[in-house]
Amino acid sequence: RARPPRPPPPPARRRAAARALGAALAVVLAPLVTAPATAAGSWSQRTAGGMTVELYRPSTAPALPGGRALMVSLHGCVQTSQVLKNGGNWTAPADEHGMDVAVPAAPNGGVLLGCGDYYDTHHSRTNPARHDDNLLDLVSTLLADASLGIDPDQVYVSGLSSGGGQAMVMGCLAPDVFAGVGIAAGPTVGTTSGRRGRVGSTLARGGAACGAGGGGRAGG
């Protein structure tokens, strides 16, 4: 036999259930609707080294008395500087350490699909070309801007994918310019453009290419 339908709950119970459901949803959805933390600085755009550069300047004090650190962050293939600016999560560490962050667009759209020109061993500090000279000019331009207050001993370069490969090239070419290098999923120095899906060099070969490109400046 079919059971007779239950009578609807009294209005007071319906209101209490609605309040309980609303409270539960608020707890579950809070991480999705919470506004991101407000950055303590601001982004601007400028041209330097023949590139369009997104520059973040924190309002917090530099971590060291010598001036602000500078992080040059390089995007990968099929990416843009805007993507890395918005998704690179640089503002929090920049605010924490009082560090400027420069995110340049690969010159002329990159060698292919926004890629950095890290390929092969044809990189030279004495005669920089390809994207190497653009990045060295970028650092020189920012260091020359006294309003930025950048400490030349705290200049760093990092990159993702092909940007990581280019960051490694810059670390080899100019260890006197870059105090440190950060590489995420980047190919080693000497890798050809056709070796994107596998390790394209040995440690010894990469080390030799690194030292040769830097004119003997690179460390071991």
Protein backbone atom coordinates (compact mmCIF):
# COMPACT_ATOMS: atom_id res chain seq x y z
CA ARG A 1 0.00 0.00 0.00
CA ALA A 2 1.22 3.44 -0.86
CA ARG A 3 2.03 5.64 2.07
CA PRO A 4 0.13 8.88 2.32
CA PRO A 5 2.31 11.95 1.59
CA ARG A 6 3.97 13.61 4.54
CA PRO A 7 2.59 16.96 5.53
CA PRO A 8 4.95 19.84 4.74
CA PRO A 9 7.14 20.97 7.63
CA PRO A 10 5.98 24.00 9.51
CA PRO A 11 7.32 27.36 8.29
CA ALA A 12 9.69 27.69 11.22
CA ARG A 13 11.35 24.38 10.40
CA ARG A 14 11.64 25.30 6.72
CA ARG A 15 13.37 28.57 7.64
CA ALA A 16 15.76 26.78 10.01
CA ALA A 17 16.64 24.20 7.33
CA ALA A 18 17.23 26.96 4.80
CA ARG A 19 19.53 28.77 7.21
CA ALA A 20 21.49 25.56 7.90
CA LEU A 21 21.84 24.85 4.17
CA GLY A 22 22.98 28.41 3.51
CA ALA A 23 25.57 28.20 6.25
CA ALA A 24 26.91 24.91 4.87
CA LEU A 25 27.13 26.30 1.35
CA ALA A 26 28.94 29.38 2.62
CA VAL A 27 31.61 27.19 4.20
CA VAL A 28 32.00 25.06 1.06
CA LEU A 29 32.02 27.94 -1.41
CA ALA A 30 34.12 30.40 0.59
CA PRO A 31 37.43 29.42 -1.05
CA LEU A 32 35.86 29.92 -4.48
CA VAL A 33 34.46 33.39 -3.91
CA THR A 34 37.07 34.90 -1.62
CA ALA A 35 38.78 37.81 -3.34
CA PRO A 36 42.51 37.35 -3.94
CA ALA A 37 44.86 39.08 -1.54
CA THR A 38 45.54 42.67 -2.49
CA ALA A 39 49.06 43.17 -3.79
CA ALA A 40 51.20 45.70 -1.97
CA GLY A 41 52.52 47.10 -5.23
CA SER A 42 51.47 47.61 -8.83
CA TRP A 43 52.20 46.46 -12.38
CA SER A 44 53.23 48.79 -15.17
CA GLN A 45 54.44 48.30 -18.72
CA ARG A 46 57.53 49.67 -20.40
CA THR A 47 59.84 48.98 -23.31
CA ALA A 48 63.38 47.83 -22.54
CA GLY A 49 65.87 45.78 -24.49
CA GLY A 50 63.61 45.94 -27.53
CA MET A 51 60.90 44.06 -25.60
CA THR A 52 57.59 44.90 -24.01
CA VAL A 53 58.10 44.32 -20.30
CA GLU A 54 55.57 43.89 -17.50
CA LEU A 55 57.18 45.35 -14.38
CA TYR A 56 55.94 44.77 -10.83
CA ARG A 57 57.06 47.19 -8.14
CA PRO A 58 56.16 46.43 -4.50
CA SER A 59 55.50 49.15 -1.99
CA THR A 60 57.26 47.11 0.70
CA ALA A 61 60.84 47.84 1.72
CA PRO A 62 63.67 45.82 0.17
CA ALA A 63 64.89 42.88 2.23
CA LEU A 64 68.53 44.01 2.11
CA PRO A 65 69.92 47.51 2.64
CA GLY A 66 71.78 47.55 -0.69
CA GLY A 67 68.61 48.06 -2.70
CA ARG A 68 65.89 46.07 -4.34
CA ALA A 69 66.37 42.66 -5.91
CA LEU A 70 65.26 42.17 -9.51
CA MET A 71 63.76 38.96 -10.86
CA VAL A 72 63.61 38.60 -14.64
CA SER A 73 60.98 35.94 -15.37
CA LEU A 74 60.80 34.36 -18.84
CA HIS A 75 57.70 32.72 -20.29
CA GLY A 76 57.66 29.51 -22.33
CA CYS A 77 56.40 28.52 -25.75
CA VAL A 78 52.72 29.14 -26.56
CA GLN A 79 52.70 31.63 -23.68
CA THR A 80 52.89 35.39 -23.35
CA SER A 81 54.25 37.77 -20.79
CA GLN A 82 50.65 38.55 -19.82
CA VAL A 83 50.02 34.87 -19.03
CA LEU A 84 53.10 34.71 -16.81
CA LYS A 85 52.29 38.05 -15.21
CA ASN A 86 48.78 36.89 -14.27
CA GLY A 87 49.55 33.27 -13.45
CA GLY A 88 53.12 33.29 -12.21
CA ASN A 89 52.24 34.12 -8.58
CA TRP A 90 55.07 36.62 -8.37
CA THR A 91 53.34 39.36 -6.39
CA ALA A 92 53.37 37.58 -3.02
CA PRO A 93 57.13 36.82 -2.95
CA ALA A 94 57.85 40.23 -4.47
CA ASP A 95 55.89 41.91 -1.69
CA GLU A 96 57.55 39.73 0.94
CA HIS A 97 61.08 40.54 -0.17
CA GLY A 98 60.59 44.03 -1.60
CA MET A 99 61.67 42.69 -5.00
CA ASP A 100 60.97 44.06 -8.47
CA VAL A 101 59.80 41.54 -11.08
CA ALA A 102 60.27 42.04 -14.83
CA VAL A 103 58.35 39.79 -17.22
CA PRO A 104 59.45 40.48 -20.81
CA ALA A 105 57.68 39.28 -23.93
CA ALA A 106 59.91 37.23 -26.19
CA PRO A 107 61.29 39.59 -28.86
CA ASN A 108 59.30 39.67 -32.10
CA GLY A 109 56.92 37.01 -30.82
CA GLY A 110 59.69 34.47 -30.20
CA VAL A 111 61.49 32.25 -32.67
CA LEU A 112 58.36 30.10 -32.96
CA LEU A 113 55.07 30.24 -31.03
CA GLY A 114 56.56 32.55 -28.41
CA CYS A 115 59.60 30.35 -27.70
CA GLY A 116 62.83 31.77 -26.37
CA ASP A 117 65.92 31.43 -28.57
CA TYR A 118 67.82 29.03 -26.32
CA TYR A 119 68.67 26.47 -29.02
CA ASP A 120 72.07 25.05 -29.92
CA THR A 121 75.46 26.25 -28.73
CA HIS A 122 75.72 29.44 -30.79
CA HIS A 123 75.57 31.88 -27.88
CA SER A 124 78.35 34.33 -27.11
CA ARG A 125 78.88 36.92 -24.42
CA THR A 126 81.47 38.75 -26.47
CA ASN A 127 79.07 39.02 -29.42
CA PRO A 128 75.59 38.53 -27.97
CA ALA A 129 72.72 38.12 -30.41
CA ARG A 130 69.44 36.25 -30.75
CA HIS A 131 67.55 36.95 -27.48
CA ASP A 132 70.69 37.13 -25.35
CA ASP A 133 71.45 40.75 -26.16
CA ASN A 134 67.83 41.76 -25.55
CA LEU A 135 67.91 40.38 -22.03
CA LEU A 136 71.28 41.89 -21.19
CA ASP A 137 70.02 45.25 -22.45
CA LEU A 138 66.88 44.85 -20.36
CA VAL A 139 68.90 44.43 -17.18
CA SER A 140 71.19 47.33 -18.06
CA THR A 141 68.21 49.59 -18.70
CA LEU A 142 66.52 48.75 -15.41
CA LEU A 143 69.75 49.12 -13.44
CA ALA A 144 70.29 52.55 -15.00
CA ASP A 145 66.87 53.72 -13.79
CA ALA A 146 67.75 55.22 -10.42
CA SER A 147 64.07 55.46 -9.46
CA LEU A 148 63.91 51.66 -9.27
CA GLY A 149 66.79 51.42 -6.79
CA ILE A 150 67.87 47.95 -7.96
CA ASP A 151 70.96 46.42 -6.38
CA PRO A 152 73.19 45.07 -9.21
CA ASP A 153 74.31 42.26 -6.91
CA GLN A 154 70.71 41.02 -6.58
CA VAL A 155 69.69 40.42 -10.19
CA TYR A 156 68.17 36.99 -10.90
CA VAL A 157 66.69 35.25 -13.93
CA SER A 158 64.17 32.42 -14.04
CA GLY A 159 62.05 30.79 -16.69
CA LEU A 160 59.53 28.11 -17.57
CA SER A 161 60.07 25.57 -20.37
CA SER A 162 61.81 27.40 -23.23
CA GLY A 163 62.07 30.37 -20.88
CA GLY A 164 63.94 28.05 -18.51
CA GLY A 165 66.29 27.11 -21.32
CA GLN A 166 66.89 30.77 -22.07
CA ALA A 167 67.43 31.48 -18.36
CA MET A 168 70.12 28.79 -18.30
CA VAL A 169 71.78 30.34 -21.34
CA MET A 170 71.83 33.73 -19.60
CA GLY A 171 73.30 32.24 -16.46
CA CYS A 172 76.09 30.73 -18.54
CA LEU A 173 76.73 33.87 -20.57
CA ALA A 174 76.60 36.38 -17.75
CA PRO A 175 77.24 34.98 -14.26
CA ASP A 176 78.64 38.42 -13.44
CA VAL A 177 75.18 39.90 -14.15
CA PHE A 178 72.88 37.24 -12.71
CA ALA A 179 73.39 36.23 -9.09
CA GLY A 180 71.15 33.19 -9.49
CA VAL A 181 69.16 31.22 -12.05
CA GLY A 182 65.84 29.41 -11.58
CA ILE A 183 64.79 26.82 -14.18
CA ALA A 184 61.41 25.06 -14.37
CA ALA A 185 61.19 22.23 -16.93
CA GLY A 186 63.81 23.92 -19.09
CA PRO A 187 66.15 22.20 -21.57
CA THR A 188 69.87 22.32 -20.95
CA VAL A 189 72.37 24.43 -22.85
CA GLY A 190 73.19 22.96 -26.26
CA THR A 191 69.79 21.35 -26.81
CA THR A 192 68.55 21.63 -30.38
CA SER A 193 65.07 22.74 -31.38
CA GLY A 194 64.16 19.15 -32.30
CA ARG A 195 64.81 17.77 -28.81
CA ARG A 196 61.84 19.19 -26.96
CA GLY A 197 60.51 15.83 -25.75
CA ARG A 198 63.69 14.33 -24.32
CA VAL A 199 66.99 15.19 -22.68
CA GLY A 200 69.11 16.55 -25.49
CA SER A 201 72.57 16.72 -23.94
CA THR A 202 74.84 15.21 -21.33
CA LEU A 203 76.07 16.96 -18.21
CA ALA A 204 79.59 17.18 -19.62
CA ARG A 205 78.42 18.51 -22.98
CA GLY A 206 76.09 21.03 -21.36
CA GLY A 207 78.86 22.18 -19.03
CA ALA A 208 81.25 22.64 -21.92
CA ALA A 209 78.67 24.62 -23.90
CA CYS A 210 77.93 26.75 -20.86
CA GLY A 211 81.58 27.61 -20.28
CA ALA A 212 82.24 28.29 -23.95
CA GLY A 213 79.29 30.64 -24.30
CA GLY A 214 80.33 32.65 -21.30
CA GLY A 215 83.88 33.11 -22.52
CA GLY A 216 85.19 31.13 -19.55
CA ARG A 217 83.14 33.10 -17.00
CA ALA A 218 80.77 30.28 -16.03
CA GLY A 219 81.49 28.32 -12.90
CA GLY A 220 81.73 24.55 -12.69
